[in-house]
């Protein structure tokens, strides 16, 4: 990594900071990196990097104690066609009177690190954090490209801890249920079911109890019959009593009810529409936003879009173009042996024999 001796405020940066102390919002716009040699040039007088190679979007802004702030970006070599020495870095900010200015600057000199071009075996993605002085400025903002925001190591560690805690609550009280090989919740984790639902084991126990109760009831009723009898439940002769004759449940009826309970239980276990209305807060995801992020492929397609983006070299070349001459500014050139008639100031005569 390039070693920078320190980041220094430019003169325009100092002026902007003074304005910020008076209430103007201090807004960082971007970060530039380059390979320029500072030489004898004073950092205070710089308006741009000496030779800017890449303009990087800001992905992080954090206020620190003691009138400091951290502004961060990510340097990648994926879109580099030529390598360069990462020698200089600068933070740009928006001045309400001058537009974008170079706020602060640092140069690594001979301690610059070489950044190889993309397309090779070396894939480089460097997180760059720049500590800047903001004094007692109340309003410090940055133009942050949210599609490029990266998670820090501490962010990842916090997520891993929450996932670990979430995993430990699997199958536990006030936790969440796991699924068996069929994708169903095991009966041992069903907890307290609604009154109209029952587990397979519980339903069978109730069916067996109902059958036994019916048998006991029938036996009791039969034992109460005095022989001989003329009729039983309007039946005469050799009477065969059924469960219905004595108001008891038949085995098939009890089984049908048990089957109905089992079917209701199966339907509930197979219901994937969140019938209990479990919220994401209940599973520890209350702080996770429902925001779609750009994929890595989409990011690089955008970075490599030559129609939307221009290089610093192209910008300087366009800015240096001469404007087209007006009709009044154009002057004639005479190539002849005699002097032109009625020449005007600025006309050119090339005398030939």
Protein backbone atom coordinates (compact mmCIF):
# COMPACT_ATOMS: atom_id res chain seq x y z
CA UNK A 1 0.00 0.00 0.00
CA UNK A 2 1.25 3.50 -0.80
CA UNK A 3 2.53 5.37 2.25
CA UNK A 4 1.32 8.96 2.51
CA UNK A 5 3.05 11.22 5.00
CA UNK A 6 -0.17 13.13 5.65
CA UNK A 7 -3.18 14.75 4.00
CA UNK A 8 -2.91 18.54 3.69
CA UNK A 9 -5.68 21.09 3.16
CA UNK A 10 -5.21 23.23 0.05
CA UNK A 11 -5.74 27.00 0.16
CA UNK A 12 -9.18 26.56 -1.38
CA UNK A 13 -9.84 23.78 1.09
CA UNK A 14 -8.98 26.07 4.00
CA UNK A 15 -11.28 28.77 2.61
CA UNK A 16 -14.12 26.29 2.25
CA UNK A 17 -13.58 25.06 5.80
CA UNK A 18 -13.87 28.65 7.04
CA UNK A 19 -17.17 28.96 5.19
CA UNK A 20 -18.29 25.69 6.77
CA UNK A 21 -17.48 27.06 10.24
CA UNK A 22 -19.87 29.89 9.40
CA UNK A 23 -22.72 27.51 8.54
CA UNK A 24 -22.13 26.44 4.92
CA UNK A 25 -22.56 22.69 4.34
CA UNK A 26 -19.24 20.91 3.71
CA UNK A 27 -20.03 18.43 0.91
CA UNK A 28 -17.40 16.00 -0.39
CA UNK A 29 -18.02 15.09 -4.04
CA UNK A 30 -15.42 12.49 -5.05
CA UNK A 31 -11.88 11.18 -4.52
CA UNK A 32 -9.17 11.27 -7.18
CA UNK A 33 -6.05 9.08 -7.43
CA UNK A 34 -3.07 9.55 -9.73
CA UNK A 35 0.64 9.05 -10.32
CA UNK A 36 1.85 12.65 -10.47
CA UNK A 37 5.15 13.75 -8.91
CA UNK A 38 4.70 16.80 -6.71
CA UNK A 39 8.24 18.06 -7.19
CA UNK A 40 8.65 21.59 -5.87
CA UNK A 41 4.95 22.44 -6.28
CA UNK A 42 3.24 23.56 -3.08
CA UNK A 43 0.22 21.50 -2.06
CA UNK A 44 -1.48 24.67 -0.86
CA UNK A 45 -1.74 26.05 -4.40
CA UNK A 46 -3.04 22.88 -6.08
CA UNK A 47 -6.42 22.96 -7.77
CA UNK A 48 -6.27 19.43 -9.22
CA UNK A 49 -4.15 16.32 -8.89
CA UNK A 50 -0.87 16.56 -10.79
CA UNK A 51 -1.86 13.65 -13.05
CA UNK A 52 -5.20 12.13 -12.14
CA UNK A 53 -5.70 8.52 -13.31
CA UNK A 54 -9.06 7.63 -11.78
CA UNK A 55 -11.98 9.49 -10.26
CA UNK A 56 -13.58 7.38 -7.52
CA UNK A 57 -17.06 7.61 -6.03
CA UNK A 58 -17.41 8.09 -2.28
CA UNK A 59 -18.83 5.04 -0.48
CA UNK A 60 -18.38 6.03 3.16
CA UNK A 61 -18.59 9.12 5.37
CA UNK A 62 -18.23 8.97 9.16
CA UNK A 63 -17.86 11.72 11.73
CA UNK A 64 -15.16 11.27 14.40
CA UNK A 65 -14.41 13.01 17.65
CA UNK A 66 -12.05 15.98 17.75
CA UNK A 67 -13.33 17.73 14.62
CA UNK A 68 -12.35 14.92 12.27
CA UNK A 69 -14.20 12.86 9.67
CA UNK A 70 -13.43 9.81 7.57
CA UNK A 71 -14.33 9.77 3.89
CA UNK A 72 -13.80 6.50 2.06
CA UNK A 73 -13.77 4.90 -1.37
CA UNK A 74 -12.69 1.69 -3.11
CA UNK A 75 -9.89 1.49 -5.70
CA UNK A 76 -10.25 -1.40 -8.18
CA UNK A 77 -8.03 -2.31 -11.14
CA UNK A 78 -10.79 -4.07 -13.09
CA UNK A 79 -11.25 -1.24 -15.60
CA UNK A 80 -7.56 -0.27 -15.87
CA UNK A 81 -5.97 -0.83 -19.25
CA UNK A 82 -2.57 0.36 -18.02
CA UNK A 83 -0.95 0.03 -14.62
CA UNK A 84 0.18 3.07 -12.63
CA UNK A 85 1.95 4.05 -9.43
CA UNK A 86 -0.60 5.05 -6.80
CA UNK A 87 1.33 8.14 -5.77
CA UNK A 88 -1.22 10.89 -5.15
CA UNK A 89 -4.72 11.12 -3.70
CA UNK A 90 -7.07 14.03 -3.24
CA UNK A 91 -10.56 14.71 -1.88
CA UNK A 92 -12.77 17.08 -3.88
CA UNK A 93 -15.58 19.15 -2.34
CA UNK A 94 -18.30 21.53 -3.52
CA UNK A 95 -17.62 25.24 -2.85
CA UNK A 96 -20.85 27.30 -3.06
CA UNK A 97 -18.96 30.10 -4.82
CA UNK A 98 -16.31 28.27 -6.91
CA UNK A 99 -17.90 24.92 -7.69
CA UNK A 100 -15.83 21.76 -7.22
CA UNK A 101 -12.41 22.33 -5.62
CA UNK A 102 -9.52 20.16 -4.46
CA UNK A 103 -10.15 20.15 -0.69
CA UNK A 104 -7.12 18.19 0.54
CA UNK A 105 -4.21 16.30 -1.01
CA UNK A 106 -1.50 13.75 -0.20
CA UNK A 107 1.49 12.41 -2.15
CA UNK A 108 3.45 9.20 -1.39
CA UNK A 109 6.46 10.14 -3.51
CA UNK A 110 8.92 7.25 -3.81
CA UNK A 111 6.76 5.11 -1.49
CA UNK A 112 4.03 4.76 -4.11
CA UNK A 113 2.55 1.30 -4.76
CA UNK A 114 2.19 -0.07 -8.30
CA UNK A 115 -1.38 -0.90 -9.34
CA UNK A 116 -1.37 -3.49 -12.11
CA UNK A 117 -3.89 -3.29 -15.01
CA UNK A 118 -7.07 -5.36 -14.99
CA UNK A 119 -7.60 -8.55 -16.94
CA UNK A 120 -4.66 -10.37 -15.37
CA UNK A 121 -4.27 -12.68 -12.41
CA UNK A 122 -3.99 -9.83 -9.90
CA UNK A 123 -7.42 -8.57 -8.86
CA UNK A 124 -7.06 -5.46 -6.73
CA UNK A 125 -9.76 -3.87 -4.60
CA UNK A 126 -8.40 -1.47 -1.98
CA UNK A 127 -10.49 0.28 0.63
CA UNK A 128 -9.19 3.84 1.02
CA UNK A 129 -10.09 5.84 4.14
CA UNK A 130 -9.00 9.47 4.31
CA UNK A 131 -9.11 11.34 7.63
CA UNK A 132 -9.94 14.99 7.11
CA UNK A 133 -10.26 17.97 9.44
CA UNK A 134 -13.73 19.55 9.69
CA UNK A 135 -13.33 21.57 12.91
CA UNK A 136 -16.67 22.36 14.57
CA UNK A 137 -18.57 22.23 11.27
CA UNK A 138 -22.13 21.11 11.95
CA UNK A 139 -23.13 19.97 8.45
CA UNK A 140 -20.75 17.54 6.72
CA UNK A 141 -22.15 15.51 3.82
CA UNK A 142 -20.88 13.54 0.83
CA UNK A 143 -22.14 12.49 -2.59
CA UNK A 144 -22.25 8.75 -1.91
CA UNK A 145 -22.82 6.19 -4.68
CA UNK A 146 -24.99 3.67 -2.78
CA UNK A 147 -24.50 1.02 -5.49
CA UNK A 148 -20.80 0.83 -4.55
CA UNK A 149 -21.11 0.69 -0.75
CA UNK A 150 -19.05 -2.18 0.67
CA UNK A 151 -19.48 -3.90 4.04
CA UNK A 152 -16.60 -3.38 6.44
CA UNK A 153 -14.98 -6.17 8.45
CA UNK A 154 -16.88 -5.06 11.57
CA UNK A 155 -20.16 -5.15 9.59
CA UNK A 156 -19.45 -8.73 8.51
CA UNK A 157 -18.53 -9.78 12.05
CA UNK A 158 -21.79 -8.37 13.42
CA UNK A 159 -23.79 -10.22 10.75
CA UNK A 160 -21.95 -13.48 11.46
CA UNK A 161 -22.70 -13.11 15.19
CA UNK A 162 -26.40 -12.54 14.52
CA UNK A 163 -26.53 -15.53 12.19
CA UNK A 164 -24.84 -17.67 14.85
CA UNK A 165 -27.35 -16.54 17.47
CA UNK A 166 -30.16 -17.21 15.02
CA UNK A 167 -28.85 -20.74 14.35
CA UNK A 168 -28.66 -21.47 18.08
CA UNK A 169 -32.38 -20.74 18.45
CA UNK A 170 -33.38 -23.45 15.97
CA UNK A 171 -35.98 -25.72 17.60
CA UNK A 172 -35.74 -23.78 20.88
CA UNK A 173 -38.46 -22.05 22.86
CA UNK A 174 -39.17 -18.55 21.46
CA UNK A 175 -36.87 -19.46 18.57
CA UNK A 176 -37.80 -20.87 15.18
CA UNK A 177 -38.55 -24.33 13.75
CA UNK A 178 -36.33 -26.44 11.54
CA UNK A 179 -37.64 -28.64 8.69
CA UNK A 180 -37.34 -32.38 8.23
CA UNK A 181 -36.23 -34.12 5.04
CA UNK A 182 -39.72 -33.66 3.57
CA UNK A 183 -39.74 -29.94 4.25
CA UNK A 184 -42.20 -30.26 7.16
CA UNK A 185 -41.94 -28.98 10.73
CA UNK A 186 -41.26 -31.92 13.11
CA UNK A 187 -44.06 -32.62 15.58
CA UNK A 188 -41.64 -32.05 18.47
CA UNK A 189 -41.34 -28.37 17.44
CA UNK A 190 -45.00 -27.61 16.79
CA UNK A 191 -45.61 -26.28 20.31
CA UNK A 192 -49.15 -25.25 21.24
CA UNK A 193 -51.40 -25.84 18.25
CA UNK A 194 -54.84 -24.29 17.70
CA UNK A 195 -57.75 -26.18 19.22
CA UNK A 196 -58.81 -27.60 15.86
CA UNK A 197 -55.38 -29.11 15.11
CA UNK A 198 -53.64 -32.15 16.55
CA UNK A 199 -50.40 -34.06 16.06
CA UNK A 200 -50.45 -37.49 14.43
CA UNK A 201 -49.68 -39.18 17.74
CA UNK A 202 -52.23 -37.12 19.64
CA UNK A 203 -54.91 -37.75 17.01
CA UNK A 204 -54.32 -41.53 17.18
CA UNK A 205 -54.48 -41.46 20.96
CA UNK A 206 -57.79 -39.64 20.81
CA UNK A 207 -59.14 -42.05 18.19
CA UNK A 208 -58.13 -45.04 20.32
CA UNK A 209 -59.70 -43.42 23.40
CA UNK A 210 -62.91 -42.77 21.46
CA UNK A 211 -63.03 -46.36 20.27
CA UNK A 212 -62.41 -47.67 23.78
CA UNK A 213 -65.04 -45.30 25.14
CA UNK A 214 -67.54 -46.54 22.58
CA UNK A 215 -66.82 -50.16 23.48
CA UNK A 216 -67.14 -49.41 27.17
CA UNK A 217 -70.38 -47.52 26.62
CA UNK A 218 -71.80 -50.35 24.55
CA UNK A 219 -70.82 -52.94 27.12
CA UNK A 220 -72.43 -50.87 29.85
CA UNK A 221 -75.66 -50.45 27.92
CA UNK A 222 -75.84 -54.15 27.12
CA UNK A 223 -75.26 -55.06 30.73
CA UNK A 224 -78.23 -52.92 31.69
CA UNK A 225 -80.63 -54.80 29.42
CA UNK A 226 -83.00 -57.17 31.18
CA UNK A 227 -83.63 -60.47 29.42
CA UNK A 228 -85.86 -61.53 27.84
CA UNK A 229 -86.89 -58.38 25.94
CA UNK A 230 -89.54 -57.87 23.33
CA UNK A 231 -87.63 -55.18 21.44
CA UNK A 232 -84.57 -53.05 21.55
CA UNK A 233 -84.58 -49.66 19.82
CA UNK A 234 -87.67 -50.80 17.93
CA UNK A 235 -85.94 -54.01 16.86
CA UNK A 236 -87.51 -57.39 17.63
CA UNK A 237 -86.41 -60.97 17.47
CA UNK A 238 -82.70 -61.79 17.53
CA UNK A 239 -81.38 -58.27 17.89
CA UNK A 240 -77.88 -57.18 16.90
CA UNK A 241 -77.10 -53.81 18.39
CA UNK A 242 -74.99 -51.25 16.59
CA UNK A 243 -73.09 -48.34 18.05
CA UNK A 244 -75.76 -46.02 16.63
CA UNK A 245 -78.46 -47.95 18.49
CA UNK A 246 -76.88 -46.99 21.79
CA UNK A 247 -75.65 -43.53 20.79
CA UNK A 248 -71.98 -44.51 20.58
CA UNK A 249 -69.39 -43.65 17.91
CA UNK A 250 -68.64 -46.32 15.32
CA UNK A 251 -65.01 -47.33 14.64
CA UNK A 252 -65.32 -46.01 11.10
CA UNK A 253 -66.75 -42.72 12.39
CA UNK A 254 -63.98 -42.35 14.93
CA UNK A 255 -61.42 -43.14 12.24
CA UNK A 256 -62.98 -40.59 9.90
CA UNK A 257 -62.66 -37.92 12.57
CA UNK A 258 -59.06 -38.92 13.23
CA UNK A 259 -58.38 -38.77 9.48
CA UNK A 260 -59.93 -35.29 9.34
CA UNK A 261 -57.66 -34.13 12.16
CA UNK A 262 -54.63 -35.63 10.38
CA UNK A 263 -55.56 -33.96 7.09
CA UNK A 264 -55.95 -30.61 8.84
CA UNK A 265 -52.54 -31.10 10.47
CA UNK A 266 -50.89 -32.01 7.14
CA UNK A 267 -52.41 -28.94 5.45
CA UNK A 268 -51.07 -26.70 8.21
CA UNK A 269 -47.57 -28.18 8.05
CA UNK A 270 -47.53 -27.77 4.27
CA UNK A 271 -48.77 -24.17 4.38
CA UNK A 272 -45.91 -21.89 3.16
CA UNK A 273 -47.96 -18.65 3.23
CA UNK A 274 -46.86 -17.72 6.77
CA UNK A 275 -50.20 -18.58 8.49
CA UNK A 276 -48.90 -17.36 11.88
CA UNK A 277 -47.85 -13.98 10.40
CA UNK A 278 -44.24 -14.27 11.59
CA UNK A 279 -42.44 -10.93 11.05
CA UNK A 280 -38.81 -10.43 10.10
CA UNK A 281 -38.27 -8.75 13.48
CA UNK A 282 -39.23 -12.02 15.17
CA UNK A 283 -36.43 -13.85 13.34
CA UNK A 284 -33.80 -11.16 14.01
CA UNK A 285 -33.93 -9.38 10.63
CA UNK A 286 -35.65 -6.14 11.65
CA UNK A 287 -32.68 -3.99 10.53
CA UNK A 288 -32.38 -5.59 7.11
CA UNK A 289 -33.87 -3.33 4.43
CA UNK A 290 -35.80 -4.63 1.42
CA UNK A 291 -33.43 -2.89 -1.03
CA UNK A 292 -32.26 -4.48 -4.22
CA UNK A 293 -28.51 -4.11 -4.77
CA UNK A 294 -26.71 -3.95 -8.10
CA UNK A 295 -24.87 -7.15 -8.92
CA UNK A 296 -21.10 -7.25 -9.36
CA UNK A 297 -21.63 -7.78 -13.12
CA UNK A 298 -23.93 -4.74 -13.36
CA UNK A 299 -21.38 -2.63 -11.45
CA UNK A 300 -18.54 -3.48 -13.83
CA UNK A 301 -20.75 -3.02 -16.91
CA UNK A 302 -21.52 0.48 -15.64
CA UNK A 303 -17.86 1.22 -14.88
CA UNK A 304 -16.78 0.09 -18.35
CA UNK A 305 -19.46 2.08 -20.20
CA UNK A 306 -17.38 4.33 -22.44
CA UNK A 307 -20.46 6.26 -23.62
CA UNK A 308 -21.43 7.49 -20.14
CA UNK A 309 -17.92 8.06 -18.83
CA UNK A 310 -14.91 9.96 -20.17
CA UNK A 311 -11.34 9.84 -18.95
CA UNK A 312 -9.51 12.75 -17.37
CA UNK A 313 -7.29 12.92 -20.47
CA UNK A 314 -10.33 13.20 -22.76
CA UNK A 315 -11.78 15.96 -20.57
CA UNK A 316 -8.55 17.98 -20.67
CA UNK A 317 -8.29 17.46 -24.44
CA UNK A 318 -11.84 18.73 -25.01
CA UNK A 319 -11.36 21.70 -22.70
CA UNK A 320 -8.20 22.66 -24.62
CA UNK A 321 -9.86 22.75 -28.05
CA UNK A 322 -9.91 26.15 -29.81
CA UNK A 323 -13.38 27.54 -30.45
CA UNK A 324 -14.34 27.89 -34.10
CA UNK A 325 -13.44 31.29 -35.69
CA UNK A 326 -16.24 33.67 -36.55
CA UNK A 327 -16.61 35.12 -40.03
CA UNK A 328 -15.14 38.40 -38.79
CA UNK A 329 -12.08 36.59 -37.38
CA UNK A 330 -11.22 34.78 -40.59
CA UNK A 331 -8.52 36.46 -42.77
CA UNK A 332 -7.68 35.80 -46.45
CA UNK A 333 -4.29 34.59 -47.72
CA UNK A 334 -3.11 36.02 -51.09
CA UNK A 335 -0.54 34.04 -53.09
CA UNK A 336 0.44 36.27 -56.04
CA UNK A 337 3.23 38.39 -57.50
CA UNK A 338 1.54 41.75 -56.95
CA UNK A 339 0.22 43.33 -53.78
CA UNK A 340 -3.50 42.73 -53.18
CA UNK A 341 -5.93 45.57 -53.70
CA UNK A 342 -7.44 47.12 -50.58
CA UNK A 343 -5.84 44.73 -48.09
CA UNK A 344 -7.17 44.74 -44.52
CA UNK A 345 -5.26 44.44 -41.26
CA UNK A 346 -4.46 40.79 -40.59
CA UNK A 347 -4.51 39.73 -44.31
CA UNK A 348 -1.60 37.56 -45.43
CA UNK A 349 0.24 38.11 -48.81
CA UNK A 350 2.71 35.52 -50.02
CA UNK A 351 4.64 37.07 -52.92
CA UNK A 352 5.60 34.71 -55.72
CA UNK A 353 7.47 35.45 -58.94
